[in-house]
Amino acid sequence: MGAPKQKWTPEEEAALRAGVVKHGAGKWRTILKDPEFSGVLYLRSNVDLKYYRLDSLIMEAISTLKEPGGSNKTNIASYIEEHYWAPPDFKRLLSAKLKYLTANSKLIKLFWTCA
């Protein structure tokens, strides 16, 4: 079922960010093959890079928006689309990632009711 997930090191995070600046978001294989980053990211796959990036963008959106009741999927998506390049299947990926982060207690889903 695949290798266990390893926590990202600060060096890996820095290499990924620099790789995105140099090659662009979505160029995961190119970043992995670049000699400048391959020595640090050698334990990572292109899928690891893709999904780590989305995790960090979601967290950035939530912390930047600072919405009092929490951020909803629409606002998170709008923030990411305004500030970064989003792939064609972005909304589907975002929904899946938000469900995953909630299921793994990285995010808390709030339900509001009107009285």
PDB file of N, CA and C in Angstrom:
ATOM      1  N   MET A   1       0.830  -1.195   0.000  1.00  0.00           N
ATOM      2  CA  MET A   1       0.000   0.000   0.000  1.00  0.00           C
ATOM      3  C   MET A   1       0.866   1.247   0.000  1.00  0.00           C
ATOM      4  N   GLY A   2       2.130   1.112  -0.337  1.00  0.00           N
ATOM      5  CA  GLY A   2       2.995   2.284  -0.415  1.00  0.00           C
ATOM      6  C   GLY A   2       3.789   2.482   0.852  1.00  0.00           C
ATOM      7  N   ALA A   3       4.796   3.306   0.738  1.00  0.00           N
ATOM      8  CA  ALA A   3       5.668   3.586   1.879  1.00  0.00           C
ATOM      9  C   ALA A   3       4.953   4.491   2.877  1.00  0.00           C
ATOM     10  N   PRO A   4       5.309   4.368   4.161  1.00  0.00           N
ATOM     11  CA  PRO A   4       4.702   5.265   5.148  1.00  0.00           C
ATOM     12  C   PRO A   4       5.108   6.713   4.866  1.00  0.00           C
ATOM     13  N   LYS A   5       4.229   7.615   5.178  1.00  0.00           N
ATOM     14  CA  LYS A   5       4.484   9.030   4.934  1.00  0.00           C
ATOM     15  C   LYS A   5       5.522   9.552   5.930  1.00  0.00           C
ATOM     16  N   GLN A   6       6.470  10.295   5.413  1.00  0.00           N
ATOM     17  CA  GLN A   6       7.503  10.900   6.238  1.00  0.00           C
ATOM     18  C   GLN A   6       7.214  12.380   6.405  1.00  0.00           C
ATOM     19  N   LYS A   7       7.451  12.892   7.603  1.00  0.00           N
ATOM     20  CA  LYS A   7       7.266  14.313   7.866  1.00  0.00           C
ATOM     21  C   LYS A   7       8.270  15.105   7.028  1.00  0.00           C
ATOM     22  N   TRP A   8       7.821  16.231   6.491  1.00  0.00           N
ATOM     23  CA  TRP A   8       8.679  17.082   5.672  1.00  0.00           C
ATOM     24  C   TRP A   8       9.677  17.814   6.560  1.00  0.00           C
ATOM     25  N   THR A   9      10.931  17.834   6.131  1.00  0.00           N
ATOM     26  CA  THR A   9      11.959  18.574   6.854  1.00  0.00           C
ATOM     27  C   THR A   9      11.948  20.031   6.381  1.00  0.00           C
ATOM     28  N   PRO A  10      12.490  20.939   7.194  1.00  0.00           N
ATOM     29  CA  PRO A  10      12.583  22.332   6.747  1.00  0.00           C
ATOM     30  C   PRO A  10      13.382  22.473   5.442  1.00  0.00           C
ATOM     31  N   GLU A  11      14.407  21.629   5.268  1.00  0.00           N
ATOM     32  CA  GLU A  11      15.218  21.676   4.045  1.00  0.00           C
ATOM     33  C   GLU A  11      14.388  21.266   2.828  1.00  0.00           C
ATOM     34  N   GLU A  12      13.550  20.232   2.999  1.00  0.00           N
ATOM     35  CA  GLU A  12      12.693  19.804   1.895  1.00  0.00           C
ATOM     36  C   GLU A  12      11.673  20.889   1.549  1.00  0.00           C
ATOM     37  N   GLU A  13      11.094  21.497   2.569  1.00  0.00           N
ATOM     38  CA  GLU A  13      10.126  22.570   2.330  1.00  0.00           C
ATOM     39  C   GLU A  13      10.779  23.726   1.573  1.00  0.00           C
ATOM     40  N   ALA A  14      11.991  24.099   1.983  1.00  0.00           N
ATOM     41  CA  ALA A  14      12.701  25.197   1.316  1.00  0.00           C
ATOM     42  C   ALA A  14      13.032  24.830  -0.130  1.00  0.00           C
ATOM     43  N   ALA A  15      13.455  23.594  -0.354  1.00  0.00           N
ATOM     44  CA  ALA A  15      13.776  23.156  -1.716  1.00  0.00           C
ATOM     45  C   ALA A  15      12.527  23.155  -2.595  1.00  0.00           C
ATOM     46  N   LEU A  16      11.406  22.714  -2.054  1.00  0.00           N
ATOM     47  CA  LEU A  16      10.167  22.721  -2.825  1.00  0.00           C
ATOM     48  C   LEU A  16       9.759  24.144  -3.186  1.00  0.00           C
ATOM     49  N   ARG A  17       9.813  25.041  -2.220  1.00  0.00           N
ATOM     50  CA  ARG A  17       9.451  26.442  -2.498  1.00  0.00           C
ATOM     51  C   ARG A  17      10.371  27.048  -3.564  1.00  0.00           C
ATOM     52  N   ALA A  18      11.662  26.798  -3.434  1.00  0.00           N
ATOM     53  CA  ALA A  18      12.612  27.326  -4.415  1.00  0.00           C
ATOM     54  C   ALA A  18      12.384  26.687  -5.784  1.00  0.00           C
ATOM     55  N   GLY A  19      12.044  25.411  -5.793  1.00  0.00           N
ATOM     56  CA  GLY A  19      11.758  24.731  -7.058  1.00  0.00           C
ATOM     57  C   GLY A  19      10.530  25.289  -7.754  1.00  0.00           C
ATOM     58  N   VAL A  20       9.517  25.633  -6.975  1.00  0.00           N
ATOM     59  CA  VAL A  20       8.303  26.233  -7.545  1.00  0.00           C
ATOM     60  C   VAL A  20       8.616  27.621  -8.099  1.00  0.00           C
ATOM     61  N   VAL A  21       9.445  28.372  -7.390  1.00  0.00           N
ATOM     62  CA  VAL A  21       9.832  29.697  -7.886  1.00  0.00           C
ATOM     63  C   VAL A  21      10.592  29.555  -9.200  1.00  0.00           C
ATOM     64  N   LYS A  22      11.497  28.593  -9.267  1.00  0.00           N
ATOM     65  CA  LYS A  22      12.346  28.414 -10.451  1.00  0.00           C
ATOM     66  C   LYS A  22      11.591  27.818 -11.638  1.00  0.00           C
ATOM     67  N   HIS A  23      10.766  26.779 -11.382  1.00  0.00           N
ATOM     68  CA  HIS A  23      10.144  26.026 -12.471  1.00  0.00           C
ATOM     69  C   HIS A  23       8.637  26.233 -12.596  1.00  0.00           C
ATOM     70  N   GLY A  24       7.996  26.693 -11.532  1.00  0.00           N
ATOM     71  CA  GLY A  24       6.553  26.884 -11.550  1.00  0.00           C
ATOM     72  C   GLY A  24       5.824  25.751 -10.852  1.00  0.00           C
ATOM     73  N   ALA A  25       4.639  26.084 -10.319  1.00  0.00           N
ATOM     74  CA  ALA A  25       3.800  25.076  -9.670  1.00  0.00           C
ATOM     75  C   ALA A  25       3.327  24.086 -10.719  1.00  0.00           C
ATOM     76  N   GLY A  26       3.259  22.839 -10.348  1.00  0.00           N
ATOM     77  CA  GLY A  26       2.819  21.812 -11.276  1.00  0.00           C
ATOM     78  C   GLY A  26       3.952  21.145 -12.032  1.00  0.00           C
ATOM     79  N   LYS A  27       5.153  21.658 -11.928  1.00  0.00           N
ATOM     80  CA  LYS A  27       6.324  21.090 -12.616  1.00  0.00           C
ATOM     81  C   LYS A  27       7.102  20.184 -11.658  1.00  0.00           C
ATOM     82  N   TRP A  28       6.374  19.263 -11.028  1.00  0.00           N
ATOM     83  CA  TRP A  28       6.935  18.456  -9.943  1.00  0.00           C
ATOM     84  C   TRP A  28       8.090  17.577 -10.414  1.00  0.00           C
ATOM     85  N   ARG A  29       7.946  16.904 -11.545  1.00  0.00           N
ATOM     86  CA  ARG A  29       9.033  16.035 -12.037  1.00  0.00           C
ATOM     87  C   ARG A  29      10.271  16.846 -12.395  1.00  0.00           C
ATOM     88  N   THR A  30      10.048  18.013 -12.983  1.00  0.00           N
ATOM     89  CA  THR A  30      11.169  18.886 -13.341  1.00  0.00           C
ATOM     90  C   THR A  30      11.918  19.319 -12.086  1.00  0.00           C
ATOM     91  N   ILE A  31      11.176  19.670 -11.043  1.00  0.00           N
ATOM     92  CA  ILE A  31      11.804  20.067  -9.773  1.00  0.00           C
ATOM     93  C   ILE A  31      12.614  18.904  -9.206  1.00  0.00           C
ATOM     94  N   LEU A  32      12.048  17.702  -9.232  1.00  0.00           N
ATOM     95  CA  LEU A  32      12.751  16.536  -8.694  1.00  0.00           C
ATOM     96  C   LEU A  32      14.021  16.209  -9.470  1.00  0.00           C
ATOM     97  N   LYS A  33      14.031  16.476 -10.776  1.00  0.00           N
ATOM     98  CA  LYS A  33      15.200  16.172 -11.610  1.00  0.00           C
ATOM     99  C   LYS A  33      16.260  17.269 -11.578  1.00  0.00           C
ATOM    100  N   ASP A  34      15.913  18.448 -11.116  1.00  0.00           N
ATOM    101  CA  ASP A  34      16.845  19.573 -11.069  1.00  0.00           C
ATOM    102  C   ASP A  34      17.948  19.264 -10.054  1.00  0.00           C
ATOM    103  N   PRO A  35      19.212  19.299 -10.472  1.00  0.00           N
ATOM    104  CA  PRO A  35      20.317  18.993  -9.554  1.00  0.00           C
ATOM    105  C   PRO A  35      20.361  19.902  -8.324  1.00  0.00           C
ATOM    106  N   GLU A  36      19.818  21.098  -8.460  1.00  0.00           N
ATOM    107  CA  GLU A  36      19.798  22.030  -7.331  1.00  0.00           C
ATOM    108  C   GLU A  36      18.915  21.516  -6.189  1.00  0.00           C
ATOM    109  N   PHE A  37      17.870  20.722  -6.514  1.00  0.00           N
ATOM    110  CA  PHE A  37      16.902  20.264  -5.509  1.00  0.00           C
ATOM    111  C   PHE A  37      16.887  18.752  -5.306  1.00  0.00           C
ATOM    112  N   SER A  38      17.395  18.004  -6.267  1.00  0.00           N
ATOM    113  CA  SER A  38      17.295  16.542  -6.208  1.00  0.00           C
ATOM    114  C   SER A  38      18.024  15.941  -5.016  1.00  0.00           C
ATOM    115  N   GLY A  39      19.101  16.561  -4.575  1.00  0.00           N
ATOM    116  CA  GLY A  39      19.832  16.043  -3.423  1.00  0.00           C
ATOM    117  C   GLY A  39      19.048  16.121  -2.130  1.00  0.00           C
ATOM    118  N   VAL A  40      18.141  17.088  -2.051  1.00  0.00           N
ATOM    119  CA  VAL A  40      17.321  17.261  -0.855  1.00  0.00           C
ATOM    120  C   VAL A  40      16.012  16.491  -0.979  1.00  0.00           C
ATOM    121  N   LEU A  41      15.453  16.443  -2.187  1.00  0.00           N
ATOM    122  CA  LEU A  41      14.124  15.855  -2.401  1.00  0.00           C
ATOM    123  C   LEU A  41      14.171  14.411  -2.904  1.00  0.00           C
ATOM    124  N   TYR A  42      15.314  13.742  -2.773  1.00  0.00           N
ATOM    125  CA  TYR A  42      15.472  12.406  -3.344  1.00  0.00           C
ATOM    126  C   TYR A  42      14.522  11.363  -2.757  1.00  0.00           C
ATOM    127  N   LEU A  43      13.994  11.581  -1.565  1.00  0.00           N
ATOM    128  CA  LEU A  43      13.051  10.636  -0.960  1.00  0.00           C
ATOM    129  C   LEU A  43      11.592  10.941  -1.320  1.00  0.00           C
ATOM    130  N   ARG A  44      11.368  11.982  -2.104  1.00  0.00           N
ATOM    131  CA  ARG A  44      10.016  12.440  -2.434  1.00  0.00           C
ATOM    132  C   ARG A  44       9.646  12.094  -3.865  1.00  0.00           C
ATOM    133  N   SER A  45       8.348  11.877  -4.071  1.00  0.00           N
ATOM    134  CA  SER A  45       7.834  11.638  -5.424  1.00  0.00           C
ATOM    135  C   SER A  45       7.143  12.902  -5.915  1.00  0.00           C
ATOM    136  N   ASN A  46       6.818  12.924  -7.198  1.00  0.00           N
ATOM    137  CA  ASN A  46       6.095  14.076  -7.736  1.00  0.00           C
ATOM    138  C   ASN A  46       4.726  14.208  -7.060  1.00  0.00           C
ATOM    139  N   VAL A  47       4.116  13.113  -6.655  1.00  0.00           N
ATOM    140  CA  VAL A  47       2.826  13.157  -5.957  1.00  0.00           C
ATOM    141  C   VAL A  47       3.002  13.774  -4.566  1.00  0.00           C
ATOM    142  N   ASP A  48       4.101  13.425  -3.874  1.00  0.00           N
ATOM    143  CA  ASP A  48       4.380  14.041  -2.568  1.00  0.00           C
ATOM    144  C   ASP A  48       4.454  15.557  -2.693  1.00  0.00           C
ATOM    145  N   LEU A  49       5.157  16.029  -3.722  1.00  0.00           N
ATOM    146  CA  LEU A  49       5.311  17.467  -3.920  1.00  0.00           C
ATOM    147  C   LEU A  49       3.967  18.117  -4.197  1.00  0.00           C
ATOM    148  N   LYS A  50       3.175  17.503  -5.043  1.00  0.00           N
ATOM    149  CA  LYS A  50       1.869  18.054  -5.414  1.00  0.00           C
ATOM    150  C   LYS A  50       0.976  18.199  -4.185  1.00  0.00           C
ATOM    151  N   TYR A  51       0.885  17.149  -3.375  1.00  0.00           N
ATOM    152  CA  TYR A  51      -0.036  17.189  -2.241  1.00  0.00           C
ATOM    153  C   TYR A  51       0.504  17.997  -1.076  1.00  0.00           C
ATOM    154  N   TYR A  52       1.824  18.020  -0.881  1.00  0.00           N
ATOM    155  CA  TYR A  52       2.353  18.886   0.176  1.00  0.00           C
ATOM    156  C   TYR A  52       2.058  20.338  -0.166  1.00  0.00           C
ATOM    157  N   ARG A  53       2.221  20.681  -1.389  1.00  0.00           N
ATOM    158  CA  ARG A  53       1.985  22.052  -1.828  1.00  0.00           C
ATOM    159  C   ARG A  53       0.545  22.466  -1.535  1.00  0.00           C
ATOM    160  N   LEU A  54      -0.404  21.597  -1.822  1.00  0.00           N
ATOM    161  CA  LEU A  54      -1.806  21.934  -1.574  1.00  0.00           C
ATOM    162  C   LEU A  54      -2.079  22.088  -0.083  1.00  0.00           C
ATOM    163  N   ASP A  55      -1.500  21.220   0.745  1.00  0.00           N
ATOM    164  CA  ASP A  55      -1.652  21.356   2.202  1.00  0.00           C
ATOM    165  C   ASP A  55      -1.187  22.737   2.655  1.00  0.00           C
ATOM    166  N   SER A  56      -0.009  23.125   2.216  1.00  0.00           N
ATOM    167  CA  SER A  56       0.548  24.395   2.673  1.00  0.00           C
ATOM    168  C   SER A  56      -0.242  25.580   2.138  1.00  0.00           C
ATOM    169  N   LEU A  57      -0.789  25.484   0.928  1.00  0.00           N
ATOM    170  CA  LEU A  57      -1.603  26.572   0.384  1.00  0.00           C
ATOM    171  C   LEU A  57      -2.917  26.716   1.147  1.00  0.00           C
ATOM    172  N   ILE A  58      -3.510  25.606   1.534  1.00  0.00           N
ATOM    173  CA  ILE A  58      -4.746  25.651   2.326  1.00  0.00           C
ATOM    174  C   ILE A  58      -4.474  26.343   3.661  1.00  0.00           C
ATOM    175  N   MET A  59      -3.412  25.946   4.330  1.00  0.00           N
ATOM    176  CA  MET A  59      -3.085  26.538   5.623  1.00  0.00           C
ATOM    177  C   MET A  59      -2.748  28.022   5.471  1.00  0.00           C
ATOM    178  N   GLU A  60      -2.053  28.369   4.404  1.00  0.00           N
ATOM    179  CA  GLU A  60      -1.747  29.780   4.145  1.00  0.00           C
ATOM    180  C   GLU A  60      -3.029  30.578   3.939  1.00  0.00           C
ATOM    181  N   ALA A  61      -3.942  30.026   3.157  1.00  0.00           N
ATOM    182  CA  ALA A  61      -5.211  30.721   2.886  1.00  0.00           C
ATOM    183  C   ALA A  61      -5.975  30.961   4.190  1.00  0.00           C
ATOM    184  N   ILE A  62      -6.103  29.929   5.002  1.00  0.00           N
ATOM    185  CA  ILE A  62      -6.859  30.052   6.256  1.00  0.00           C
ATOM    186  C   ILE A  62      -6.217  31.079   7.179  1.00  0.00           C
ATOM    187  N   SER A  63      -4.888  31.018   7.323  1.00  0.00           N
ATOM    188  CA  SER A  63      -4.229  31.955   8.241  1.00  0.00           C
ATOM    189  C   SER A  63      -4.224  33.381   7.701  1.00  0.00           C
ATOM    190  N   THR A  64      -4.181  33.551   6.400  1.00  0.00           N
ATOM    191  CA  THR A  64      -4.193  34.891   5.819  1.00  0.00           C
ATOM    192  C   THR A  64      -5.586  35.501   5.852  1.00  0.00           C
ATOM    193  N   LEU A  65      -6.604  34.699   5.565  1.00  0.00           N
ATOM    194  CA  LEU A  65      -7.977  35.211   5.541  1.00  0.00           C
ATOM    195  C   LEU A  65      -8.461  35.618   6.931  1.00  0.00           C
ATOM    196  N   LYS A  66      -8.032  34.902   7.954  1.00  0.00           N
ATOM    197  CA  LYS A  66      -8.387  35.215   9.351  1.00  0.00           C
ATOM    198  C   LYS A  66      -9.882  35.486   9.527  1.00  0.00           C
ATOM    199  N   GLU A  67     -10.693  34.630   8.963  1.00  0.00           N
ATOM    200  CA  GLU A  67     -12.137  34.803   9.077  1.00  0.00           C
ATOM    201  C   GLU A  67     -12.583  34.364  10.474  1.00  0.00           C
ATOM    202  N   PRO A  68     -13.387  35.173  11.159  1.00  0.00           N
ATOM    203  CA  PRO A  68     -13.763  34.899  12.549  1.00  0.00           C
ATOM    204  C   PRO A  68     -14.383  33.517  12.774  1.00  0.00           C
ATOM    205  N   GLY A  69     -15.241  33.067  11.891  1.00  0.00           N
ATOM    206  CA  GLY A  69     -15.881  31.768  12.066  1.00  0.00           C
ATOM    207  C   GLY A  69     -15.165  30.654  11.334  1.00  0.00           C
ATOM    208  N   GLY A  70     -14.001  30.932  10.795  1.00  0.00           N
ATOM    209  CA  GLY A  70     -13.275  29.943  10.004  1.00  0.00           C
ATOM    210  C   GLY A  70     -13.537  30.157   8.521  1.00  0.00           C
ATOM    211  N   SER A  71     -12.692  29.590   7.701  1.00  0.00           N
ATOM    212  CA  SER A  71     -12.796  29.763   6.248  1.00  0.00           C
ATOM    213  C   SER A  71     -13.554  28.611   5.624  1.00  0.00           C
ATOM    214  N   ASN A  72     -14.382  28.929   4.644  1.00  0.00           N
ATOM    215  CA  ASN A  72     -15.083  27.867   3.927  1.00  0.00           C
ATOM    216  C   ASN A  72     -14.341  27.514   2.647  1.00  0.00           C
ATOM    217  N   LYS A  73     -14.748  26.425   2.021  1.00  0.00           N
ATOM    218  CA  LYS A  73     -14.076  25.925   0.827  1.00  0.00           C
ATOM    219  C   LYS A  73     -14.043  26.962  -0.291  1.00  0.00           C
ATOM    220  N   THR A  74     -15.120  27.700  -0.467  1.00  0.00           N
ATOM    221  CA  THR A  74     -15.191  28.702  -1.526  1.00  0.00           C
ATOM    222  C   THR A  74     -14.154  29.798  -1.316  1.00  0.00           C
ATOM    223  N   ASN A  75     -14.037  30.290  -0.091  1.00  0.00           N
ATOM    224  CA  ASN A  75     -13.072  31.351   0.201  1.00  0.00           C
ATOM    225  C   ASN A  75     -11.629  30.853   0.093  1.00  0.00           C
ATOM    226  N   ILE A  76     -11.392  29.629   0.531  1.00  0.00           N
ATOM    227  CA  ILE A  76     -10.059  29.042   0.416  1.00  0.00           C
ATOM    228  C   ILE A  76      -9.693  28.900  -1.059  1.00  0.00           C
ATOM    229  N   ALA A  77     -10.619  28.377  -1.859  1.00  0.00           N
ATOM    230  CA  ALA A  77     -10.373  28.209  -3.293  1.00  0.00           C
ATOM    231  C   ALA A  77     -10.111  29.557  -3.969  1.00  0.00           C
ATOM    232  N   SER A  78     -10.914  30.558  -3.634  1.00  0.00           N
ATOM    233  CA  SER A  78     -10.730  31.889  -4.224  1.00  0.00           C
ATOM    234  C   SER A  78      -9.366  32.458  -3.895  1.00  0.00           C
ATOM    235  N   TYR A  79      -8.943  32.317  -2.642  1.00  0.00           N
ATOM    236  CA  TYR A  79      -7.627  32.822  -2.237  1.00  0.00           C
ATOM    237  C   TYR A  79      -6.525  32.148  -3.052  1.00  0.00           C
ATOM    238  N   ILE A  80      -6.559  30.824  -3.129  1.00  0.00           N
ATOM    239  CA  ILE A  80      -5.512  30.087  -3.835  1.00  0.00           C
ATOM    240  C   ILE A  80      -5.517  30.443  -5.319  1.00  0.00           C
ATOM    241  N   GLU A  81      -6.691  30.528  -5.924  1.00  0.00           N
ATOM    242  CA  GLU A  81      -6.774  30.850  -7.352  1.00  0.00           C
ATOM    243  C   GLU A  81      -6.300  32.276  -7.647  1.00  0.00           C
ATOM    244  N   GLU A  82      -6.514  33.201  -6.710  1.00  0.00           N
ATOM    245  CA  GLU A  82      -6.073  34.589  -6.907  1.00  0.00           C
ATOM    246  C   GLU A  82      -4.565  34.746  -6.769  1.00  0.00           C
ATOM    247  N   HIS A  83      -3.940  33.914  -5.927  1.00  0.00           N
ATOM    248  CA  HIS A  83      -2.519  34.088  -5.630  1.00  0.00           C
ATOM    249  C   HIS A  83      -1.595  33.082  -6.310  1.00  0.00           C
ATOM    250  N   TYR A  84      -2.121  31.976  -6.790  1.00  0.00           N
ATOM    251  CA  TYR A  84      -1.285  30.916  -7.349  1.00  0.00           C
ATOM    252  C   TYR A  84      -1.943  30.326  -8.588  1.00  0.00           C
ATOM    253  N   TRP A  85      -1.159  29.562  -9.335  1.00  0.00           N
ATOM    254  CA  TRP A  85      -1.701  28.824 -10.470  1.00  0.00           C
ATOM    255  C   TRP A  85      -2.407  27.590  -9.927  1.00  0.00           C
ATOM    256  N   ALA A  86      -3.611  27.317 -10.426  1.00  0.00           N
ATOM    257  CA  ALA A  86      -4.368  26.137  -9.981  1.00  0.00           C
ATOM    258  C   ALA A  86      -4.604  25.225 -11.173  1.00  0.00           C
ATOM    259  N   PRO A  87      -4.421  23.915 -10.998  1.00  0.00           N
ATOM    260  CA  PRO A  87      -4.644  22.982 -12.101  1.00  0.00           C
ATOM    261  C   PRO A  87      -6.129  22.887 -12.450  1.00  0.00           C
ATOM    262  N   PRO A  88      -6.444  22.334 -13.622  1.00  0.00           N
ATOM    263  CA  PRO A  88      -7.848  22.242 -14.052  1.00  0.00           C
ATOM    264  C   PRO A  88      -8.750  21.496 -13.069  1.00  0.00           C
ATOM    265  N   ASP A  89      -8.235  20.468 -12.399  1.00  0.00           N
ATOM    266  CA  ASP A  89      -9.042  19.680 -11.458  1.00  0.00           C
ATOM    267  C   ASP A  89      -8.895  20.184 -10.020  1.00  0.00           C
ATOM    268  N   PHE A  90      -8.559  21.454  -9.869  1.00  0.00           N
ATOM    269  CA  PHE A  90      -8.251  22.030  -8.560  1.00  0.00           C
ATOM    270  C   PHE A  90      -9.387  21.887  -7.551  1.00  0.00           C
ATOM    271  N   LYS A  91     -10.619  22.193  -7.938  1.00  0.00           N
ATOM    272  CA  LYS A  91     -11.744  22.158  -6.970  1.00  0.00           C
ATOM    273  C   LYS A  91     -11.947  20.743  -6.429  1.00  0.00           C
ATOM    274  N   ARG A  92     -11.803  19.747  -7.284  1.00  0.00           N
ATOM    275  CA  ARG A  92     -11.936  18.353  -6.850  1.00  0.00           C
ATOM    276  C   ARG A  92     -10.805  17.992  -5.887  1.00  0.00           C
ATOM    277  N   LEU A  93      -9.578  18.393  -6.241  1.00  0.00           N
ATOM    278  CA  LEU A  93      -8.436  18.131  -5.367  1.00  0.00           C
ATOM    279  C   LEU A  93      -8.595  18.833  -4.019  1.00  0.00           C
ATOM    280  N   LEU A  94      -9.075  20.070  -4.056  1.00  0.00           N
ATOM    281  CA  LEU A  94      -9.268  20.825  -2.821  1.00  0.00           C
ATOM    282  C   LEU A  94     -10.289  20.147  -1.923  1.00  0.00           C
ATOM    283  N   SER A  95     -11.402  19.727  -2.487  1.00  0.00           N
ATOM    284  CA  SER A  95     -12.432  19.036  -1.690  1.00  0.00           C
ATOM    285  C   SER A  95     -11.862  17.782  -1.031  1.00  0.00           C
ATOM    286  N   ALA A  96     -11.142  16.998  -1.814  1.00  0.00           N
ATOM    287  CA  ALA A  96     -10.560  15.758  -1.289  1.00  0.00           C
ATOM    288  C   ALA A  96      -9.539  16.062  -0.194  1.00  0.00           C
ATOM    289  N   LYS A  97      -8.712  17.086  -0.416  1.00  0.00           N
ATOM    290  CA  LYS A  97      -7.682  17.423   0.571  1.00  0.00           C
ATOM    291  C   LYS A  97      -8.296  17.968   1.860  1.00  0.00           C
ATOM    292  N   LEU A  98      -9.357  18.780   1.747  1.00  0.00           N
ATOM    293  CA  LEU A  98     -10.028  19.289   2.951  1.00  0.00           C
ATOM    294  C   LEU A  98     -10.651  18.144   3.756  1.00  0.00           C
ATOM    295  N   LYS A  99     -11.248  17.187   3.072  1.00  0.00           N
ATOM    296  CA  LYS A  99     -11.804  16.013   3.764  1.00  0.00           C
ATOM    297  C   LYS A  99     -10.707  15.227   4.458  1.00  0.00           C
ATOM    298  N   TYR A 100      -9.584  15.051   3.768  1.00  0.00           N
ATOM    299  CA  TYR A 100      -8.456  14.319   4.335  1.00  0.00           C
ATOM    300  C   TYR A 100      -7.906  15.031   5.574  1.00  0.00           C
ATOM    301  N   LEU A 101      -7.692  16.333   5.473  1.00  0.00           N
ATOM    302  CA  LEU A 101      -7.155  17.093   6.604  1.00  0.00           C
ATOM    303  C   LEU A 101      -8.108  17.082   7.791  1.00  0.00           C
ATOM    304  N   THR A 102      -9.405  17.097   7.531  1.00  0.00           N
ATOM    305  CA  THR A 102     -10.401  17.030   8.598  1.00  0.00           C
ATOM    306  C   THR A 102     -10.399  15.642   9.247  1.00  0.00           C
ATOM    307  N   ALA A 103     -10.362  14.610   8.417  1.00  0.00           N
ATOM    308  CA  ALA A 103     -10.366  13.236   8.936  1.00  0.00           C
ATOM    309  C   ALA A 103      -9.123  12.943   9.777  1.00  0.00           C
ATOM    310  N   ASN A 104      -8.026  13.619   9.469  1.00  0.00           N
ATOM    311  CA  ASN A 104      -6.773  13.397  10.202  1.00  0.00           C
ATOM    312  C   ASN A 104      -6.503  14.468  11.254  1.00  0.00           C
ATOM    313  N   SER A 105      -7.557  15.170  11.650  1.00  0.00           N
ATOM    314  CA  SER A 105      -7.519  16.161  12.729  1.00  0.00           C
ATOM    315  C   SER A 105      -6.539  17.311  12.497  1.00  0.00           C
ATOM    316  N   LYS A 106      -6.267  17.622  11.232  1.00  0.00           N
ATOM    317  CA  LYS A 106      -5.428  18.781  10.912  1.00  0.00           C
ATOM    318  C   LYS A 106      -6.296  20.037  10.805  1.00  0.00           C
ATOM    319  N   LEU A 107      -7.573  19.827  10.467  1.00  0.00           N
ATOM    320  CA  LEU A 107      -8.560  20.902  10.400  1.00  0.00           C
ATOM    321  C   LEU A 107      -9.801  20.460  11.154  1.00  0.00           C
ATOM    322  N   ILE A 108     -10.563  21.429  11.614  1.00  0.00           N
ATOM    323  CA  ILE A 108     -11.825  21.136  12.287  1.00  0.00           C
ATOM    324  C   ILE A 108     -12.947  21.702  11.433  1.00  0.00           C
ATOM    325  N   LYS A 109     -13.919  20.870  11.154  1.00  0.00           N
ATOM    326  CA  LYS A 109     -15.078  21.306  10.377  1.00  0.00           C
ATOM    327  C   LYS A 109     -16.148  21.784  11.344  1.00  0.00           C
ATOM    328  N   LEU A 110     -16.629  22.997  11.129  1.00  0.00           N
ATOM    329  CA  LEU A 110     -17.667  23.562  11.979  1.00  0.00           C
ATOM    330  C   LEU A 110     -18.985  23.582  11.229  1.00  0.00           C
ATOM    331  N   PHE A 111     -20.042  23.320  11.933  1.00  0.00           N
ATOM    332  CA  PHE A 111     -21.378  23.392  11.351  1.00  0.00           C
ATOM    333  C   PHE A 111     -22.122  24.497  12.063  1.00  0.00           C
ATOM    334  N   TRP A 112     -22.724  25.368  11.309  1.00  0.00           N
ATOM    335  CA  TRP A 112     -23.493  26.477  11.870  1.00  0.00           C
ATOM    336  C   TRP A 112     -24.973  26.233  11.650  1.00  0.00           C
ATOM    337  N   THR A 113     -25.736  26.509  12.648  1.00  0.00           N
ATOM    338  CA  THR A 113     -27.175  26.409  12.514  1.00  0.00           C
ATOM    339  C   THR A 113     -27.789  27.748  12.862  1.00  0.00           C
ATOM    340  N   CYS A 114     -28.884  28.046  12.253  1.00  0.00           N
ATOM    341  CA  CYS A 114     -29.603  29.277  12.552  1.00  0.00           C
ATOM    342  C   CYS A 114     -30.707  28.955  13.533  1.00  0.00           C
ATOM    343  N   ALA A 115     -30.815  29.732  14.568  1.00  0.00           N
ATOM    344  CA  ALA A 115     -31.850  29.472  15.579  1.00  0.00           C
ATOM    345  C   ALA A 115     -33.037  30.374  15.378  1.00  0.00           C
TER     346      ALA A 115
END
